[in-house]
Amino acid sequence: MGREIATAIQRWPALIDHPCAPRVTAVCDINPAAMEWFEQLGTVELFTTDFEELLASEQVDVVYIAVRHDLHEAMYTAAIAAGKDLLAEKPFGIDLAAARRIVQSIEEHPESFVRCSSEMPFFPGAQMAIDIVRSGGIGRVIEAENSFWHSSDFDLEKPINWKRQARFCGEAGVMNDLGLHALHVPLRLGWDPDRLFAVLQDLVPERPDGQGGTAVCDTFENAQLHGIVETEEGGFPLSVSMKRIAPGEKNTWTFRAIGLEGGVEFSTKNPKQVRVLTSYTLPGGGVEQAWSAIEAGSQSVWPTVTGGIFESGFSDSILQMWAAFLAERAGQLGDRFGCVRPEEALRTHEIYASAIRSHEERSVVSV
């Protein structure tokens, strides 16, 4: 992801009238060879294997940290205490206790601007769907769902890595890995489940260890959370799912909301298309419901030089996420959609903890 971020920064002139002009000035990795790629940028002044050296650099204002989940708390709190602004990777700590301590550190250092990474909602189609819901266009919500699926664990011969081991990834497993992507939009829309029932699957108990043997694989590969969101108009079901074993899927993010006055659906499987449910009065009389398809084009949260008729992709969503992060840091985001806030990241951990409890008790639990 570090290279993805650096590439996005190199494309910054594509943004129109953005208030910031970022440069990649420092890179830190415990593997020196991993830093060689960044030499071509021409702006990096510090290459180091020492995280403390990076934090001490006066050439660094903002840090992006992508490390194992068990390292989040120590590195995030160190960056915050050093006065750096931070775009953190999910899940924002290995568990609920770690997330709470990270948020406490932010409260103790209000001078640090902190958000969490979640790029999928920055696809133009996702933004169109979000805007339709925000506008009240679907009326009272009947039901909603958000999911993030891929199939990288479908290969049972794939050697184990840290994301498949609870001591590094966390007990929440796939929820820690993918859950924030599926909860970013619901929480931002105010759809916070009051109670839930979870189905968590540990489908692969062991994997090759890469040395001729096997190793215990003790994380959940798939998670399906079925929640109830209470509103003034009444409750509605919210289904959120994260899967590392979803055969045939490659980072498929899907959002769907149905209301009494319409509905909307977007999936990165068809990134140009937003499906909208509306009622039509037929020329010969009568009213029918129908799904129609709209092409989203290229424009997302921040305008770009790309023509509106062209398509958008993953790299564009990364650029838009960073545009939103730095614009909000500069106080210029306005009412545009923004990155995950610390309190939202903390709430996801509360949801994961409740999901684990539901799984263990095989019952509906309060969140």
Protein backbone atom coordinates (compact mmCIF):
# COMPACT_ATOMS: atom_id res chain seq x y z
CA MET A 1 0.00 0.00 0.00
CA GLY A 2 2.90 2.36 0.57
CA ARG A 3 3.70 2.33 -3.13
CA GLU A 4 0.03 2.90 -3.97
CA ILE A 5 0.01 5.98 -1.73
CA ALA A 6 3.26 7.30 -3.21
CA THR A 7 1.88 6.83 -6.72
CA ALA A 8 -1.26 8.75 -5.78
CA ILE A 9 0.83 11.65 -4.47
CA GLN A 10 2.70 11.73 -7.79
CA ARG A 11 -0.67 12.18 -9.53
CA TRP A 12 -1.66 15.14 -7.36
CA PRO A 13 -1.80 17.66 -10.26
CA ALA A 14 -4.85 15.75 -11.53
CA LEU A 15 -6.84 17.35 -8.69
CA ILE A 16 -8.39 20.74 -9.44
CA ASP A 17 -7.70 23.59 -6.96
CA HIS A 18 -6.81 21.37 -4.04
CA PRO A 19 -5.56 23.37 -1.04
CA CYS A 20 -2.53 21.13 -0.45
CA ALA A 21 0.54 20.10 -2.42
CA PRO A 22 1.99 17.02 -0.68
CA ARG A 23 5.39 15.43 -1.28
CA VAL A 24 6.75 12.08 -0.11
CA THR A 25 9.75 13.10 1.96
CA ALA A 26 10.55 10.04 4.09
CA VAL A 27 10.18 6.26 3.93
CA CYS A 28 10.65 3.74 6.73
CA ASP A 29 10.78 -0.05 6.46
CA ILE A 30 12.58 -2.77 8.40
CA ASN A 31 13.60 -4.25 5.02
CA PRO A 32 15.99 -1.86 3.23
CA ALA A 33 15.31 -3.53 -0.13
CA ALA A 34 11.63 -2.60 0.14
CA MET A 35 12.59 1.09 0.10
CA GLU A 36 14.53 0.96 -3.16
CA TRP A 37 11.38 1.46 -5.25
CA PHE A 38 10.83 4.88 -3.62
CA GLU A 39 14.18 6.21 -4.86
CA GLN A 40 12.62 6.98 -8.26
CA LEU A 41 10.26 9.55 -6.72
CA GLY A 42 13.02 12.14 -6.44
CA THR A 43 11.49 13.81 -3.37
CA VAL A 44 12.47 11.42 -0.57
CA GLU A 45 15.07 12.94 1.76
CA LEU A 46 15.11 10.23 4.42
CA PHE A 47 15.31 6.45 4.03
CA THR A 48 15.44 4.70 7.38
CA THR A 49 14.75 1.42 9.16
CA ASP A 50 14.25 3.34 12.42
CA PHE A 51 10.70 4.53 12.99
CA GLU A 52 11.82 6.92 15.73
CA GLU A 53 14.17 8.62 13.27
CA LEU A 54 11.28 9.18 10.88
CA LEU A 55 9.13 10.69 13.65
CA ALA A 56 11.99 13.00 14.65
CA SER A 57 12.33 14.39 11.12
CA GLU A 58 11.24 17.99 10.65
CA GLN A 59 10.61 17.16 6.99
CA VAL A 60 7.61 15.00 7.96
CA ASP A 61 4.21 16.53 8.76
CA VAL A 62 1.93 13.58 7.99
CA VAL A 63 2.60 9.87 8.32
CA TYR A 64 0.85 6.90 6.76
CA ILE A 65 1.43 3.69 8.69
CA ALA A 66 0.68 0.23 7.27
CA VAL A 67 2.00 -2.49 9.58
CA ARG A 68 0.80 -5.65 11.33
CA HIS A 69 -2.22 -5.10 13.54
CA ASP A 70 -0.32 -5.97 16.72
CA LEU A 71 2.00 -3.01 16.03
CA HIS A 72 -0.75 -0.42 15.49
CA GLU A 73 -1.11 0.82 19.05
CA ALA A 74 2.59 1.43 19.74
CA MET A 75 3.31 3.08 16.39
CA TYR A 76 0.12 5.13 16.14
CA THR A 77 0.43 6.52 19.66
CA ALA A 78 4.12 7.29 19.09
CA ALA A 79 3.30 9.24 15.93
CA ILE A 80 0.51 11.13 17.69
CA ALA A 81 2.73 11.94 20.68
CA ALA A 82 5.40 13.20 18.27
CA GLY A 83 2.93 15.75 16.93
CA LYS A 84 2.53 14.15 13.52
CA ASP A 85 -0.77 13.97 11.66
CA LEU A 86 -1.73 10.41 10.82
CA LEU A 87 -3.64 8.48 8.20
CA ALA A 88 -3.78 5.09 9.91
CA GLU A 89 -4.51 1.71 8.41
CA LYS A 90 -7.44 -0.37 9.58
CA PRO A 91 -8.38 -1.87 11.94
CA PHE A 92 -6.94 0.91 14.17
CA GLY A 93 -5.47 -1.45 16.76
CA ILE A 94 -5.49 -5.21 17.17
CA ASP A 95 -8.56 -5.19 19.44
CA LEU A 96 -11.04 -2.97 21.27
CA ALA A 97 -8.69 -2.23 24.17
CA ALA A 98 -5.92 -1.10 21.81
CA ALA A 99 -8.35 1.07 19.82
CA ARG A 100 -9.51 2.74 23.02
CA ARG A 101 -5.92 3.57 23.99
CA ILE A 102 -5.24 5.01 20.52
CA VAL A 103 -8.31 7.23 20.80
CA GLN A 104 -7.22 8.28 24.29
CA SER A 105 -3.84 9.30 22.85
CA ILE A 106 -5.62 11.44 20.25
CA GLU A 107 -7.66 13.12 22.98
CA GLU A 108 -4.46 13.86 24.88
CA HIS A 109 -2.85 15.36 21.75
CA PRO A 110 -5.61 17.32 19.98
CA GLU A 111 -3.00 19.01 17.81
CA SER A 112 -2.66 15.77 15.80
CA PHE A 113 -5.16 15.25 12.99
CA VAL A 114 -5.97 11.54 12.71
CA ARG A 115 -8.13 9.56 10.33
CA CYS A 116 -8.26 5.91 9.19
CA SER A 117 -7.85 4.54 5.68
CA SER A 118 -10.82 3.16 3.70
CA GLU A 119 -10.65 3.87 -0.01
CA MET A 120 -13.52 1.84 -1.50
CA PRO A 121 -16.29 4.41 -0.78
CA PHE A 122 -14.38 6.95 -2.87
CA PHE A 123 -15.32 5.25 -6.15
CA PRO A 124 -17.56 7.71 -8.05
CA GLY A 125 -20.37 5.16 -8.14
CA ALA A 126 -20.18 4.68 -4.39
CA GLN A 127 -20.36 8.44 -3.91
CA MET A 128 -23.41 8.66 -6.18
CA ALA A 129 -25.14 5.93 -4.16
CA ILE A 130 -24.25 7.64 -0.87
CA ASP A 131 -25.55 10.98 -2.13
CA ILE A 132 -28.85 9.41 -3.18
CA VAL A 133 -29.33 8.01 0.32
CA ARG A 134 -28.20 11.23 2.01
CA SER A 135 -30.69 13.23 -0.05
CA GLY A 136 -33.57 11.15 1.27
CA GLY A 137 -34.16 9.81 -2.22
CA ILE A 138 -35.01 6.30 -1.06
CA GLY A 139 -37.36 7.44 1.70
CA ARG A 140 -37.68 5.46 4.92
CA VAL A 141 -35.07 2.70 4.89
CA ILE A 142 -36.42 -0.85 4.66
CA GLU A 143 -33.07 -2.63 4.64
CA ALA A 144 -29.41 -2.08 3.80
CA GLU A 145 -26.27 -4.09 3.25
CA ASN A 146 -22.57 -3.48 2.73
CA SER A 147 -19.97 -6.12 1.96
CA PHE A 148 -16.32 -6.56 1.06
CA TRP A 149 -15.29 -9.89 -0.44
CA HIS A 150 -12.24 -11.44 -2.02
CA SER A 151 -11.00 -14.97 -2.60
CA SER A 152 -7.30 -14.85 -1.77
CA ASP A 153 -7.68 -17.60 0.85
CA PHE A 154 -9.51 -19.98 -1.49
CA ASP A 155 -6.16 -21.58 -2.37
CA LEU A 156 -5.67 -23.99 0.53
CA GLU A 157 -2.01 -24.42 -0.41
CA LYS A 158 -1.29 -20.74 0.07
CA PRO A 159 1.38 -20.46 2.81
CA ILE A 160 0.29 -18.86 6.04
CA ASN A 161 1.05 -15.20 6.74
CA TRP A 162 0.48 -12.86 9.66
CA LYS A 163 -3.11 -12.00 8.67
CA ARG A 164 -4.05 -15.63 9.25
CA GLN A 165 -2.63 -15.77 12.80
CA ALA A 166 -4.62 -14.31 15.70
CA ARG A 167 -1.57 -13.14 17.64
CA PHE A 168 -0.70 -10.78 14.79
CA CYS A 169 -4.06 -10.10 13.10
CA GLY A 170 -6.28 -10.19 16.19
CA GLU A 171 -9.06 -12.46 17.39
CA ALA A 172 -11.52 -10.68 15.08
CA GLY A 173 -9.71 -12.13 12.04
CA VAL A 174 -11.34 -11.07 8.77
CA MET A 175 -13.32 -8.36 10.58
CA ASN A 176 -10.05 -6.68 11.54
CA ASP A 177 -8.76 -7.12 8.01
CA LEU A 178 -11.79 -6.04 5.95
CA GLY A 179 -14.51 -4.91 8.34
CA LEU A 180 -13.85 -1.19 8.31
CA HIS A 181 -14.33 -1.12 4.53
CA ALA A 182 -17.82 -2.55 5.00
CA LEU A 183 -18.75 -0.35 7.97
CA HIS A 184 -17.39 3.04 6.84
CA VAL A 185 -20.48 4.03 4.86
CA PRO A 186 -23.14 2.63 7.23
CA LEU A 187 -21.61 4.38 10.22
CA ARG A 188 -21.17 7.65 8.31
CA LEU A 189 -24.85 7.48 7.34
CA GLY A 190 -25.71 7.07 11.02
CA TRP A 191 -26.62 3.39 10.65
CA ASP A 192 -25.16 2.11 13.90
CA PRO A 193 -26.53 -1.33 14.88
CA ASP A 194 -28.15 -1.55 18.27
CA ARG A 195 -27.94 -5.35 18.38
CA LEU A 196 -26.65 -8.06 16.08
CA PHE A 197 -26.29 -11.74 15.33
CA ALA A 198 -23.00 -12.91 13.81
CA VAL A 199 -21.99 -15.92 11.77
CA LEU A 200 -18.21 -16.30 11.87
CA GLN A 201 -16.41 -19.05 9.95
CA ASP A 202 -12.94 -20.47 10.55
CA LEU A 203 -12.84 -22.53 7.38
CA VAL A 204 -9.13 -23.41 7.16
CA PRO A 205 -7.64 -24.64 10.47
CA GLU A 206 -4.09 -24.95 9.15
CA ARG A 207 -1.96 -23.89 6.21
CA PRO A 208 1.49 -24.68 4.83
CA ASP A 209 4.16 -22.88 6.87
CA GLY A 210 6.41 -22.30 3.84
CA GLN A 211 9.09 -24.59 5.28
CA GLY A 212 7.66 -27.99 4.41
CA GLY A 213 5.34 -28.24 7.39
CA THR A 214 2.02 -26.81 8.52
CA ALA A 215 1.00 -24.01 10.88
CA VAL A 216 -2.17 -23.30 12.80
CA CYS A 217 -4.46 -20.85 10.99
CA ASP A 218 -6.62 -19.53 13.83
CA THR A 219 -8.51 -16.58 12.37
CA PHE A 220 -12.00 -16.29 10.93
CA GLU A 221 -11.95 -16.23 7.13
CA ASN A 222 -15.57 -15.10 6.69
CA ALA A 223 -17.91 -13.01 8.83
CA GLN A 224 -21.56 -12.12 8.34
CA LEU A 225 -23.14 -9.64 10.75
CA HIS A 226 -26.88 -9.15 10.82
CA GLY A 227 -27.79 -6.07 12.82
CA ILE A 228 -30.79 -3.95 13.70
CA VAL A 229 -30.52 -0.18 13.32
CA GLU A 230 -33.04 1.77 15.39
CA THR A 231 -34.30 5.08 14.01
CA GLU A 232 -37.10 7.50 14.84
CA GLU A 233 -39.10 5.88 12.04
CA GLY A 234 -38.49 2.37 13.33
CA GLY A 235 -35.79 -0.27 13.04
CA PHE A 236 -34.38 -1.84 9.89
CA PRO A 237 -31.97 -4.71 9.21
CA LEU A 238 -28.36 -3.94 8.29
CA SER A 239 -26.31 -6.80 6.90
CA VAL A 240 -22.54 -6.41 6.80
CA SER A 241 -20.22 -9.13 5.53
CA MET A 242 -16.50 -9.58 5.05
CA LYS A 243 -15.07 -12.62 3.28
CA ARG A 244 -11.56 -13.80 2.45
CA ILE A 245 -13.04 -16.95 0.91
CA ALA A 246 -15.65 -15.74 -1.57
CA PRO A 247 -14.86 -17.82 -4.68
CA GLY A 248 -14.54 -15.75 -7.82
CA GLU A 249 -14.41 -12.38 -6.07
CA LYS A 250 -11.52 -9.93 -6.27
CA ASN A 251 -11.95 -7.09 -3.76
CA THR A 252 -15.65 -6.73 -4.47
CA TRP A 253 -17.18 -3.91 -2.41
CA THR A 254 -20.96 -3.70 -2.57
CA PHE A 255 -23.45 -1.25 -1.07
CA ARG A 256 -27.22 -1.62 -1.34
CA ALA A 257 -30.05 0.26 0.35
CA ILE A 258 -33.78 -0.14 -0.20
CA GLY A 259 -36.43 2.30 1.01
CA LEU A 260 -40.14 2.94 0.69
CA GLU A 261 -39.52 5.45 -2.11
CA GLY A 262 -36.73 3.72 -4.01
CA GLY A 263 -33.42 1.99 -3.76
CA VAL A 264 -29.80 2.14 -4.85
CA GLU A 265 -26.99 -0.35 -5.39
CA PHE A 266 -23.32 -0.06 -6.33
CA SER A 267 -20.59 -2.68 -6.64
CA THR A 268 -16.98 -2.42 -7.71
CA LYS A 269 -17.70 -5.52 -9.78
CA ASN A 270 -19.31 -3.05 -12.23
CA PRO A 271 -17.54 0.18 -11.24
CA LYS A 272 -19.17 2.42 -13.87
CA GLN A 273 -22.71 1.38 -12.98
CA VAL A 274 -25.09 2.54 -10.25
CA ARG A 275 -28.44 0.77 -10.12
CA VAL A 276 -31.41 2.86 -8.99
CA LEU A 277 -34.89 1.62 -8.08
CA THR A 278 -37.73 4.01 -8.85
CA SER A 279 -41.46 3.90 -9.54
CA TYR A 280 -42.72 4.77 -13.01
CA THR A 281 -46.16 5.83 -14.14
CA LEU A 282 -46.76 3.87 -17.32
CA PRO A 283 -48.12 5.70 -20.40
CA GLY A 284 -51.09 3.35 -20.53
CA GLY A 285 -51.83 3.75 -16.85
CA GLY A 286 -50.60 2.07 -13.69
CA VAL A 287 -47.41 2.35 -11.67
CA GLU A 288 -44.54 -0.16 -11.67
CA GLN A 289 -41.19 -0.39 -9.93
CA ALA A 290 -38.09 -0.79 -12.09
CA TRP A 291 -34.35 -0.94 -11.65
CA SER A 292 -32.41 1.31 -14.03
CA ALA A 293 -28.66 1.64 -14.55
CA ILE A 294 -26.74 4.91 -14.51
CA GLU A 295 -23.07 5.26 -15.48
CA ALA A 296 -21.14 7.06 -12.79
CA GLY A 297 -18.26 8.59 -14.79
CA SER A 298 -14.99 9.75 -13.23
CA GLN A 299 -15.82 12.43 -10.65
CA SER A 300 -15.80 11.66 -6.93
CA VAL A 301 -15.24 13.76 -3.78
CA TRP A 302 -12.67 16.16 -5.26
CA PRO A 303 -12.88 17.32 -8.90
CA THR A 304 -10.16 16.21 -11.29
CA VAL A 305 -8.95 17.11 -14.77
CA THR A 306 -10.27 13.78 -16.06
CA GLY A 307 -13.33 14.19 -18.26
CA GLY A 308 -16.56 13.25 -16.53
CA ILE A 309 -17.45 10.64 -19.16
CA PHE A 310 -14.40 8.48 -18.42
CA GLU A 311 -14.23 5.61 -15.97
CA SER A 312 -12.51 5.42 -12.58
CA GLY A 313 -10.52 2.68 -10.82
CA PHE A 314 -8.84 1.65 -7.59
CA SER A 315 -5.87 4.01 -7.98
CA ASP A 316 -8.29 6.89 -8.44
CA SER A 317 -10.09 5.97 -5.22
CA ILE A 318 -6.75 6.08 -3.38
CA LEU A 319 -6.10 9.56 -4.77
CA GLN A 320 -9.58 10.69 -3.74
CA MET A 321 -9.16 9.30 -0.23
CA TRP A 322 -5.95 11.27 0.21
CA ALA A 323 -7.52 14.36 -1.31
CA ALA A 324 -10.31 14.10 1.25
CA PHE A 325 -7.87 13.48 4.12
CA LEU A 326 -5.62 16.44 3.35
CA ALA A 327 -8.53 18.76 2.52
CA GLU A 328 -10.17 17.96 5.86
CA ARG A 329 -6.81 18.44 7.59
CA ALA A 330 -6.68 21.91 5.99
CA GLY A 331 -10.27 22.66 7.00
CA GLN A 332 -11.39 22.71 3.34
CA LEU A 333 -13.42 19.52 2.97
CA GLY A 334 -16.77 21.10 3.76
CA ASP A 335 -19.68 18.68 3.61
CA ARG A 336 -17.89 16.29 1.26
CA PHE A 337 -17.49 12.64 2.24
CA GLY A 338 -14.41 12.11 4.41
CA CYS A 339 -12.12 9.40 5.75
CA VAL A 340 -12.97 7.24 8.75
CA ARG A 341 -12.92 9.22 12.00
CA PRO A 342 -11.27 7.80 15.14
CA GLU A 343 -14.61 7.40 16.90
CA GLU A 344 -15.94 5.44 13.90
CA ALA A 345 -12.90 3.17 13.89
CA LEU A 346 -13.40 2.61 17.62
CA ARG A 347 -17.06 1.78 17.03
CA THR A 348 -16.09 -0.92 14.51
CA HIS A 349 -14.09 -2.64 17.25
CA GLU A 350 -17.10 -2.52 19.55
CA ILE A 351 -19.10 -4.16 16.76
CA TYR A 352 -16.41 -6.84 16.23
CA ALA A 353 -16.29 -7.61 19.96
CA SER A 354 -20.07 -7.98 20.00
CA ALA A 355 -19.89 -10.21 16.90
CA ILE A 356 -17.42 -12.54 18.62
CA ARG A 357 -19.68 -12.68 21.68
CA SER A 358 -22.68 -13.44 19.47
CA HIS A 359 -20.74 -16.20 17.72
CA GLU A 360 -19.67 -17.77 21.01
CA GLU A 361 -23.12 -17.53 22.58
CA ARG A 362 -25.00 -18.27 19.34
CA SER A 363 -27.41 -15.50 20.19
CA VAL A 364 -28.41 -11.94 19.40
CA VAL A 365 -26.36 -9.50 21.52
CA SER A 366 -26.40 -5.79 22.21
CA VAL A 367 -23.60 -3.75 20.68
